């Protein structure tokens, strides 16, 4: 009797879910800025960075990427601008770590829209622009930056390309 009661309860539990109760990722997630890193001497060649750390001024959280030529970083959804400090960690011939610093400013118009009850809201960024801020010291590492798209609506392709 207990098995039948349990089976009936499970049947009711699973049949009570509606289609909107399950959020499937992908198109329902607020996208990040996808950045591809390229060799400045050969613009067709992706160039993995040994280590990159990224942080926003005034915040303690740091995002670290190791041995990759693609990085993804979030944008603030409650403002029209995000400034990221991007630090490249390189080793010289004597295995000392050399830190090179640059700042990127992203400007955009965020627009949130309702996806579903389970997923909530997703933000898409329109009129996306990126610029490398002037570096007052000589420790910069980004040679050039190229914007690929004006809209950030998914994480499928790169939105900007950095040449270093």
N, C-alpha and C. Protein backbone atom coordinates (compact mmCIF):
# COMPACT_ATOMS: atom_id res chain seq x y z
N UNK A 1 0.83 -1.20 0.00
CA UNK A 1 0.00 0.00 0.00
C UNK A 1 0.87 1.26 0.00
N UNK A 2 1.97 1.19 0.79
CA UNK A 2 2.86 2.36 0.85
C UNK A 2 3.48 2.64 -0.51
N UNK A 3 3.81 1.59 -1.27
CA UNK A 3 4.41 1.77 -2.59
C UNK A 3 3.43 2.44 -3.54
N UNK A 4 2.19 2.05 -3.49
CA UNK A 4 1.17 2.64 -4.36
C UNK A 4 0.95 4.10 -3.98
N UNK A 5 0.88 4.38 -2.69
CA UNK A 5 0.70 5.76 -2.24
C UNK A 5 1.87 6.63 -2.67
N UNK A 6 3.09 6.11 -2.53
CA UNK A 6 4.29 6.85 -2.94
C UNK A 6 4.28 7.10 -4.45
N UNK A 7 3.91 6.09 -5.23
CA UNK A 7 3.86 6.24 -6.68
C UNK A 7 2.83 7.28 -7.10
N UNK A 8 1.67 7.28 -6.44
CA UNK A 8 0.63 8.26 -6.76
C UNK A 8 1.10 9.66 -6.40
N UNK A 9 1.74 9.82 -5.26
CA UNK A 9 2.26 11.14 -4.86
C UNK A 9 3.32 11.64 -5.84
N UNK A 10 4.20 10.73 -6.26
CA UNK A 10 5.22 11.12 -7.24
C UNK A 10 4.58 11.52 -8.56
N UNK A 11 3.56 10.79 -8.97
CA UNK A 11 2.87 11.11 -10.21
C UNK A 11 2.24 12.50 -10.15
N UNK A 12 1.62 12.81 -9.03
CA UNK A 12 1.03 14.14 -8.86
C UNK A 12 2.10 15.23 -8.81
N UNK A 13 3.22 14.94 -8.16
CA UNK A 13 4.29 15.93 -8.04
C UNK A 13 4.85 16.29 -9.40
N UNK A 14 5.10 15.28 -10.23
CA UNK A 14 5.67 15.55 -11.55
C UNK A 14 4.65 16.12 -12.52
N UNK A 15 3.41 15.78 -12.37
CA UNK A 15 2.39 16.31 -13.28
C UNK A 15 1.99 17.73 -12.90
N UNK A 16 2.35 18.18 -11.70
CA UNK A 16 2.00 19.53 -11.27
C UNK A 16 2.90 20.58 -11.90
N UNK A 17 4.05 20.16 -12.43
CA UNK A 17 4.98 21.12 -13.05
C UNK A 17 4.42 21.59 -14.38
N UNK A 18 4.54 22.87 -14.62
CA UNK A 18 4.16 23.43 -15.90
C UNK A 18 5.41 23.61 -16.74
N UNK A 19 5.23 23.86 -18.00
CA UNK A 19 6.35 24.06 -18.90
C UNK A 19 7.21 25.24 -18.43
N UNK A 20 6.61 26.28 -17.88
CA UNK A 20 7.34 27.46 -17.44
C UNK A 20 8.14 27.23 -16.17
N UNK A 21 7.95 26.09 -15.51
CA UNK A 21 8.64 25.83 -14.25
C UNK A 21 10.07 25.34 -14.44
N UNK A 22 10.49 25.07 -15.67
CA UNK A 22 11.83 24.59 -15.93
C UNK A 22 12.52 25.57 -16.85
N UNK A 23 13.63 26.13 -16.38
CA UNK A 23 14.38 27.09 -17.17
C UNK A 23 15.52 26.38 -17.87
N UNK A 24 15.52 26.45 -19.17
CA UNK A 24 16.60 25.88 -19.96
C UNK A 24 17.56 27.01 -20.28
N UNK A 25 18.86 26.79 -20.01
CA UNK A 25 19.88 27.83 -20.20
C UNK A 25 19.98 28.30 -21.64
N UNK A 26 21.10 28.91 -21.96
CA UNK A 26 21.32 29.39 -23.32
C UNK A 26 20.71 30.75 -23.54
N UNK A 27 19.59 30.78 -24.23
CA UNK A 27 18.96 32.05 -24.58
C UNK A 27 18.27 32.74 -23.41
N UNK A 28 18.19 32.08 -22.27
CA UNK A 28 17.51 32.68 -21.13
C UNK A 28 18.48 33.30 -20.12
N UNK A 29 19.76 33.34 -20.44
CA UNK A 29 20.78 33.83 -19.52
C UNK A 29 21.30 35.18 -20.02
N UNK A 30 21.49 36.12 -19.10
CA UNK A 30 22.10 37.40 -19.48
C UNK A 30 23.53 37.14 -19.95
N UNK A 31 23.87 37.59 -21.15
CA UNK A 31 25.18 37.27 -21.71
C UNK A 31 26.31 38.10 -21.12
N UNK A 32 27.51 37.54 -21.20
CA UNK A 32 28.74 38.23 -20.85
C UNK A 32 29.36 38.82 -22.11
N UNK A 33 30.35 39.69 -21.93
CA UNK A 33 31.16 40.15 -23.04
C UNK A 33 32.17 39.05 -23.33
N UNK A 34 32.19 38.57 -24.56
CA UNK A 34 33.14 37.53 -24.97
C UNK A 34 34.29 38.22 -25.71
N UNK A 35 35.50 37.98 -25.23
CA UNK A 35 36.70 38.63 -25.78
C UNK A 35 37.64 37.56 -26.30
N UNK A 36 38.03 37.67 -27.57
CA UNK A 36 39.07 36.81 -28.14
C UNK A 36 40.39 37.55 -28.11
N UNK A 37 41.45 36.86 -27.76
CA UNK A 37 42.80 37.43 -27.68
C UNK A 37 43.60 36.98 -28.90
N UNK A 38 44.18 37.96 -29.61
CA UNK A 38 44.93 37.67 -30.83
C UNK A 38 46.36 38.18 -30.71
N UNK A 39 47.24 37.57 -31.50
CA UNK A 39 48.63 37.99 -31.58
C UNK A 39 48.70 39.29 -32.38
N UNK A 40 49.34 40.29 -31.83
CA UNK A 40 49.42 41.58 -32.51
C UNK A 40 50.25 41.52 -33.78
N UNK A 41 51.17 40.54 -33.87
CA UNK A 41 52.02 40.41 -35.06
C UNK A 41 51.36 39.59 -36.16
N UNK A 42 50.44 38.72 -35.81
CA UNK A 42 49.70 37.92 -36.78
C UNK A 42 48.22 37.99 -36.40
N UNK A 43 47.49 38.89 -37.03
CA UNK A 43 46.13 39.20 -36.61
C UNK A 43 45.14 38.05 -36.79
N UNK A 44 45.54 36.98 -37.47
CA UNK A 44 44.66 35.82 -37.65
C UNK A 44 44.89 34.74 -36.59
N UNK A 45 45.93 34.90 -35.78
CA UNK A 45 46.34 33.87 -34.83
C UNK A 45 45.86 34.19 -33.42
N UNK A 46 45.02 33.30 -32.87
CA UNK A 46 44.62 33.44 -31.47
C UNK A 46 45.84 33.24 -30.60
N UNK A 47 45.97 34.05 -29.56
CA UNK A 47 47.15 34.00 -28.69
C UNK A 47 46.71 33.80 -27.25
N UNK A 48 46.93 32.60 -26.71
CA UNK A 48 46.54 32.35 -25.32
C UNK A 48 47.39 33.19 -24.36
N UNK A 49 46.76 33.70 -23.34
CA UNK A 49 47.46 34.44 -22.29
C UNK A 49 47.76 33.47 -21.15
N UNK A 50 48.96 33.55 -20.56
CA UNK A 50 49.29 32.64 -19.47
C UNK A 50 48.37 32.82 -18.26
N UNK A 51 48.11 34.07 -17.91
CA UNK A 51 47.19 34.37 -16.80
C UNK A 51 46.70 35.79 -16.96
N UNK A 52 45.39 35.96 -16.82
CA UNK A 52 44.77 37.29 -16.83
C UNK A 52 43.88 37.38 -15.61
N UNK A 53 44.03 38.48 -14.88
CA UNK A 53 43.11 38.74 -13.76
C UNK A 53 42.35 40.03 -14.08
N UNK A 54 41.06 40.00 -13.78
CA UNK A 54 40.18 41.10 -14.14
C UNK A 54 39.39 41.51 -12.90
N UNK A 55 39.32 42.82 -12.66
CA UNK A 55 38.59 43.30 -11.49
C UNK A 55 38.05 44.69 -11.76
N UNK A 56 37.01 45.05 -11.03
CA UNK A 56 36.41 46.39 -11.10
C UNK A 56 36.90 47.17 -9.89
N UNK A 57 37.27 48.43 -10.11
CA UNK A 57 37.71 49.29 -9.01
C UNK A 57 36.66 49.32 -7.90
N UNK A 58 37.12 49.20 -6.66
CA UNK A 58 36.23 49.29 -5.53
C UNK A 58 35.60 47.98 -5.11
N UNK A 59 35.81 46.92 -5.89
CA UNK A 59 35.28 45.60 -5.55
C UNK A 59 36.44 44.65 -5.25
N UNK A 60 36.21 43.71 -4.38
CA UNK A 60 37.28 42.79 -3.99
C UNK A 60 37.33 41.53 -4.86
N UNK A 61 36.26 41.24 -5.59
CA UNK A 61 36.24 40.03 -6.41
C UNK A 61 37.13 40.19 -7.65
N UNK A 62 37.88 39.14 -7.95
CA UNK A 62 38.73 39.11 -9.13
C UNK A 62 38.40 37.86 -9.91
N UNK A 63 38.30 38.01 -11.23
CA UNK A 63 38.09 36.86 -12.11
C UNK A 63 39.45 36.52 -12.71
N UNK A 64 39.84 35.26 -12.64
CA UNK A 64 41.15 34.83 -13.15
C UNK A 64 40.95 33.83 -14.28
N UNK A 65 41.70 34.04 -15.36
CA UNK A 65 41.71 33.13 -16.51
C UNK A 65 43.14 32.66 -16.71
N UNK A 66 43.31 31.38 -16.99
CA UNK A 66 44.65 30.82 -17.20
C UNK A 66 44.71 30.11 -18.55
N UNK A 67 45.81 30.37 -19.27
CA UNK A 67 46.10 29.70 -20.54
C UNK A 67 44.90 29.64 -21.47
N UNK A 68 44.36 30.79 -21.79
CA UNK A 68 43.20 30.85 -22.66
C UNK A 68 43.30 32.03 -23.62
N UNK A 69 42.67 31.88 -24.77
CA UNK A 69 42.60 32.97 -25.74
C UNK A 69 41.19 33.54 -25.81
N UNK A 70 40.31 33.09 -24.91
CA UNK A 70 38.94 33.59 -24.86
C UNK A 70 38.56 33.83 -23.41
N UNK A 71 38.06 35.04 -23.15
CA UNK A 71 37.59 35.35 -21.80
C UNK A 71 36.18 35.91 -21.89
N UNK A 72 35.41 35.68 -20.84
CA UNK A 72 34.04 36.19 -20.75
C UNK A 72 33.90 36.94 -19.44
N UNK A 73 33.43 38.18 -19.54
CA UNK A 73 33.25 38.99 -18.33
C UNK A 73 31.87 39.64 -18.34
N UNK A 74 31.27 39.77 -17.18
CA UNK A 74 29.91 40.33 -17.11
C UNK A 74 29.90 41.85 -17.20
N UNK A 75 28.75 42.38 -17.58
CA UNK A 75 28.50 43.81 -17.57
C UNK A 75 27.50 44.11 -16.46
N UNK A 76 27.58 45.30 -15.90
CA UNK A 76 26.61 45.70 -14.88
C UNK A 76 25.28 46.00 -15.58
N UNK A 77 24.20 45.44 -15.04
CA UNK A 77 22.90 45.60 -15.71
C UNK A 77 22.13 46.82 -15.22
N UNK A 78 22.59 47.45 -14.14
CA UNK A 78 21.87 48.59 -13.58
C UNK A 78 22.50 49.93 -13.93
N UNK A 79 23.40 49.95 -14.91
CA UNK A 79 24.05 51.17 -15.35
C UNK A 79 24.36 51.05 -16.84
N UNK A 80 24.88 52.10 -17.44
CA UNK A 80 25.19 52.08 -18.87
C UNK A 80 26.69 51.99 -19.14
N UNK A 81 27.47 51.73 -18.09
CA UNK A 81 28.92 51.68 -18.26
C UNK A 81 29.54 50.73 -17.25
N UNK A 82 30.54 49.98 -17.69
CA UNK A 82 31.34 49.14 -16.81
C UNK A 82 32.79 49.33 -17.19
N UNK A 83 33.64 49.57 -16.19
CA UNK A 83 35.08 49.71 -16.42
C UNK A 83 35.79 48.55 -15.72
N UNK A 84 36.52 47.77 -16.51
CA UNK A 84 37.26 46.63 -15.99
C UNK A 84 38.76 46.91 -16.04
N UNK A 85 39.47 46.58 -14.98
CA UNK A 85 40.93 46.58 -14.96
C UNK A 85 41.37 45.19 -15.40
N UNK A 86 42.21 45.14 -16.41
CA UNK A 86 42.66 43.85 -16.95
C UNK A 86 44.17 43.78 -16.78
N UNK A 87 44.60 42.77 -16.02
CA UNK A 87 46.03 42.60 -15.71
C UNK A 87 46.54 41.31 -16.36
N UNK A 88 47.58 41.46 -17.18
CA UNK A 88 48.23 40.32 -17.81
C UNK A 88 49.44 39.94 -16.96
N UNK A 89 49.53 38.65 -16.60
CA UNK A 89 50.67 38.13 -15.84
C UNK A 89 51.54 37.35 -16.82
N UNK A 90 52.80 37.77 -16.97
CA UNK A 90 53.72 37.08 -17.86
C UNK A 90 54.98 36.73 -17.09
N UNK A 91 55.66 35.69 -17.55
CA UNK A 91 56.94 35.31 -16.96
C UNK A 91 58.06 35.77 -17.88
N UNK A 92 59.12 36.33 -17.29
CA UNK A 92 60.27 36.68 -18.11
C UNK A 92 61.25 35.50 -18.10
N UNK A 93 62.41 35.68 -18.68
CA UNK A 93 63.37 34.58 -18.82
C UNK A 93 63.88 34.05 -17.48
N UNK A 94 63.83 34.84 -16.43
CA UNK A 94 64.28 34.37 -15.11
C UNK A 94 63.10 33.94 -14.23
N UNK A 95 61.95 33.66 -14.86
CA UNK A 95 60.73 33.20 -14.18
C UNK A 95 60.17 34.20 -13.16
N UNK A 96 60.45 35.47 -13.36
CA UNK A 96 59.81 36.51 -12.55
C UNK A 96 58.50 36.89 -13.22
N UNK A 97 57.48 37.16 -12.43
CA UNK A 97 56.19 37.55 -12.98
C UNK A 97 56.20 39.04 -13.29
N UNK A 98 55.82 39.36 -14.50
CA UNK A 98 55.71 40.75 -14.93
C UNK A 98 54.22 41.06 -15.04
N UNK A 99 53.78 42.12 -14.41
CA UNK A 99 52.38 42.52 -14.46
C UNK A 99 52.23 43.68 -15.42
N UNK A 100 51.28 43.55 -16.34
CA UNK A 100 50.97 44.62 -17.28
C UNK A 100 49.50 44.94 -17.11
N UNK A 101 49.17 46.22 -17.01
CA UNK A 101 47.81 46.65 -16.67
C UNK A 101 47.21 47.55 -17.74
N UNK A 102 45.93 47.33 -18.00
CA UNK A 102 45.14 48.21 -18.86
C UNK A 102 43.72 48.26 -18.32
N UNK A 103 42.97 49.25 -18.79
CA UNK A 103 41.56 49.38 -18.42
C UNK A 103 40.73 49.42 -19.69
N UNK A 104 39.59 48.73 -19.63
CA UNK A 104 38.63 48.77 -20.72
C UNK A 104 37.33 49.35 -20.21
N UNK A 105 36.77 50.26 -20.99
CA UNK A 105 35.46 50.85 -20.65
C UNK A 105 34.45 50.35 -21.67
N UNK A 106 33.39 49.75 -21.16
CA UNK A 106 32.29 49.29 -21.99
C UNK A 106 31.10 50.20 -21.74
N UNK A 107 30.52 50.73 -22.80
CA UNK A 107 29.29 51.51 -22.70
C UNK A 107 28.22 50.79 -23.50
N UNK A 108 26.96 50.91 -23.04
CA UNK A 108 25.88 50.15 -23.63
C UNK A 108 24.55 50.65 -23.09
N UNK A 109 23.49 50.20 -23.70
CA UNK A 109 22.13 50.45 -23.22
C UNK A 109 21.52 49.11 -22.84
N UNK A 110 21.38 48.84 -21.54
CA UNK A 110 20.80 47.56 -21.14
C UNK A 110 19.28 47.57 -21.27
N UNK A 111 18.73 46.44 -21.69
CA UNK A 111 17.28 46.30 -21.76
C UNK A 111 16.90 44.92 -21.21
N UNK A 112 16.16 44.94 -20.12
CA UNK A 112 15.72 43.68 -19.49
C UNK A 112 14.37 43.29 -20.05
N UNK A 113 14.18 42.01 -20.27
CA UNK A 113 12.87 41.54 -20.69
C UNK A 113 12.57 40.21 -20.02
N UNK A 114 11.30 39.96 -19.86
CA UNK A 114 10.81 38.77 -19.17
C UNK A 114 10.94 37.56 -20.07
N UNK A 115 11.58 36.49 -19.56
CA UNK A 115 11.74 35.26 -20.33
C UNK A 115 10.64 34.27 -19.98
N UNK A 116 10.52 33.93 -18.71
CA UNK A 116 9.48 33.00 -18.24
C UNK A 116 9.44 33.04 -16.73
N UNK A 117 8.47 32.33 -16.16
CA UNK A 117 8.34 32.29 -14.71
C UNK A 117 9.57 31.64 -14.08
N UNK A 118 10.08 30.59 -14.67
CA UNK A 118 11.24 29.89 -14.12
C UNK A 118 12.55 30.64 -14.34
N UNK A 119 12.68 31.29 -15.48
CA UNK A 119 13.94 31.96 -15.82
C UNK A 119 14.01 33.39 -15.32
N UNK A 120 12.88 34.03 -15.17
CA UNK A 120 12.88 35.42 -14.74
C UNK A 120 13.21 36.35 -15.88
N UNK A 121 14.11 37.30 -15.64
CA UNK A 121 14.46 38.32 -16.62
C UNK A 121 15.84 38.08 -17.21
N UNK A 122 16.02 38.53 -18.42
CA UNK A 122 17.30 38.49 -19.12
C UNK A 122 17.59 39.90 -19.60
N UNK A 123 18.85 40.30 -19.54
CA UNK A 123 19.23 41.63 -20.03
C UNK A 123 20.03 41.47 -21.31
N UNK A 124 19.69 42.27 -22.31
CA UNK A 124 20.43 42.35 -23.56
C UNK A 124 21.03 43.74 -23.63
N UNK A 125 22.22 43.86 -24.19
CA UNK A 125 22.93 45.13 -24.23
C UNK A 125 23.00 45.63 -25.67
N UNK A 126 22.42 46.82 -25.90
CA UNK A 126 22.40 47.43 -27.22
C UNK A 126 23.38 48.60 -27.25
N UNK A 127 23.72 49.04 -28.46
CA UNK A 127 24.65 50.16 -28.67
C UNK A 127 25.95 49.93 -27.89
N UNK A 128 26.46 48.71 -27.97
CA UNK A 128 27.66 48.31 -27.24
C UNK A 128 28.89 48.94 -27.88
N UNK A 129 29.72 49.56 -27.04
CA UNK A 129 31.00 50.12 -27.46
C UNK A 129 32.05 49.76 -26.43
N UNK A 130 33.27 49.62 -26.90
CA UNK A 130 34.38 49.33 -25.99
C UNK A 130 35.55 50.22 -26.36
N UNK A 131 36.29 50.64 -25.35
CA UNK A 131 37.45 51.48 -25.58
C UNK A 131 38.49 51.19 -24.52
N UNK A 132 39.73 51.19 -24.93
CA UNK A 132 40.84 51.06 -23.99
C UNK A 132 41.13 52.45 -23.45
N UNK A 133 41.13 52.58 -22.14
CA UNK A 133 41.39 53.88 -21.53
C UNK A 133 42.88 54.19 -21.58
N UNK A 134 43.23 55.47 -21.68
CA UNK A 134 44.65 55.84 -21.73
C UNK A 134 45.39 55.33 -20.49
N UNK A 135 46.56 54.78 -20.72
CA UNK A 135 47.39 54.26 -19.64
C UNK A 135 48.47 55.29 -19.33
N UNK A 136 48.48 55.79 -18.10
CA UNK A 136 49.45 56.83 -17.73
C UNK A 136 50.82 56.26 -17.42
N UNK A 137 50.90 54.95 -17.21
CA UNK A 137 52.21 54.33 -16.97
C UNK A 137 52.63 53.57 -18.22
N UNK A 138 53.80 53.00 -18.19
CA UNK A 138 54.31 52.28 -19.37
C UNK A 138 54.08 50.78 -19.29
N UNK A 139 53.19 50.34 -18.41
CA UNK A 139 53.00 48.90 -18.23
C UNK A 139 51.78 48.35 -18.95
N UNK A 140 51.29 49.02 -19.97
CA UNK A 140 50.13 48.54 -20.72
C UNK A 140 50.50 47.35 -21.61
N UNK A 141 49.50 46.56 -21.97
CA UNK A 141 49.77 45.39 -22.80
C UNK A 141 48.87 45.28 -24.02
N UNK A 142 47.75 45.96 -24.04
CA UNK A 142 46.83 45.88 -25.17
C UNK A 142 47.29 46.84 -26.26
N UNK A 143 47.56 46.29 -27.44
CA UNK A 143 47.99 47.10 -28.58
C UNK A 143 46.81 47.71 -29.32
N UNK A 144 45.75 46.89 -29.48
CA UNK A 144 44.61 47.34 -30.26
C UNK A 144 43.37 46.58 -29.80
N UNK A 145 42.22 47.20 -29.99
CA UNK A 145 40.95 46.57 -29.64
C UNK A 145 40.00 46.80 -30.81
N UNK A 146 39.25 45.75 -31.16
CA UNK A 146 38.33 45.83 -32.29
C UNK A 146 36.97 45.32 -31.86
N UNK A 147 35.94 46.14 -32.05
CA UNK A 147 34.57 45.76 -31.71
C UNK A 147 33.97 44.96 -32.86
N UNK A 148 33.42 43.78 -32.56
CA UNK A 148 32.86 42.90 -33.57
C UNK A 148 31.37 43.16 -33.77
N UNK A 149 30.65 43.53 -32.71
CA UNK A 149 29.20 43.66 -32.79
C UNK A 149 28.71 44.85 -31.96
N UNK A 150 27.53 45.34 -32.28
CA UNK A 150 26.91 46.44 -31.55
C UNK A 150 25.92 45.96 -30.50
N UNK A 151 25.63 44.67 -30.49
CA UNK A 151 24.62 44.11 -29.59
C UNK A 151 25.16 42.86 -28.92
N UNK A 152 24.93 42.76 -27.62
CA UNK A 152 25.32 41.56 -26.88
C UNK A 152 24.04 40.88 -26.42
N UNK A 153 23.70 39.79 -27.11
CA UNK A 153 22.47 39.08 -26.79
C UNK A 153 22.72 37.60 -26.47
N UNK A 154 23.95 37.12 -26.71
CA UNK A 154 24.29 35.73 -26.39
C UNK A 154 25.80 35.60 -26.22
N UNK A 155 26.25 34.42 -25.81
CA UNK A 155 27.67 34.14 -25.59
C UNK A 155 28.26 33.29 -26.70
N UNK A 156 27.60 33.18 -27.84
CA UNK A 156 28.02 32.26 -28.89
C UNK A 156 29.30 32.70 -29.60
N UNK A 157 29.46 34.00 -29.84
CA UNK A 157 30.61 34.50 -30.60
C UNK A 157 31.26 35.65 -29.84
N UNK A 158 32.48 35.97 -30.26
CA UNK A 158 33.21 37.08 -29.64
C UNK A 158 32.53 38.40 -29.96
N UNK A 159 32.54 39.29 -28.97
CA UNK A 159 32.00 40.63 -29.15
C UNK A 159 33.10 41.65 -29.41
N UNK A 160 34.28 41.39 -28.86
CA UNK A 160 35.44 42.23 -29.16
C UNK A 160 36.68 41.34 -29.33
N UNK A 161 37.68 41.91 -30.00
CA UNK A 161 38.96 41.23 -30.19
C UNK A 161 40.04 42.14 -29.63
N UNK A 162 40.94 41.55 -28.86
CA UNK A 162 42.07 42.28 -28.31
C UNK A 162 43.34 41.74 -28.96
N UNK A 163 44.20 42.66 -29.40
CA UNK A 163 45.49 42.30 -29.99
C UNK A 163 46.59 42.74 -29.03
N UNK A 164 47.44 41.78 -28.67
CA UNK A 164 48.54 42.09 -27.74
C UNK A 164 49.80 41.37 -28.14
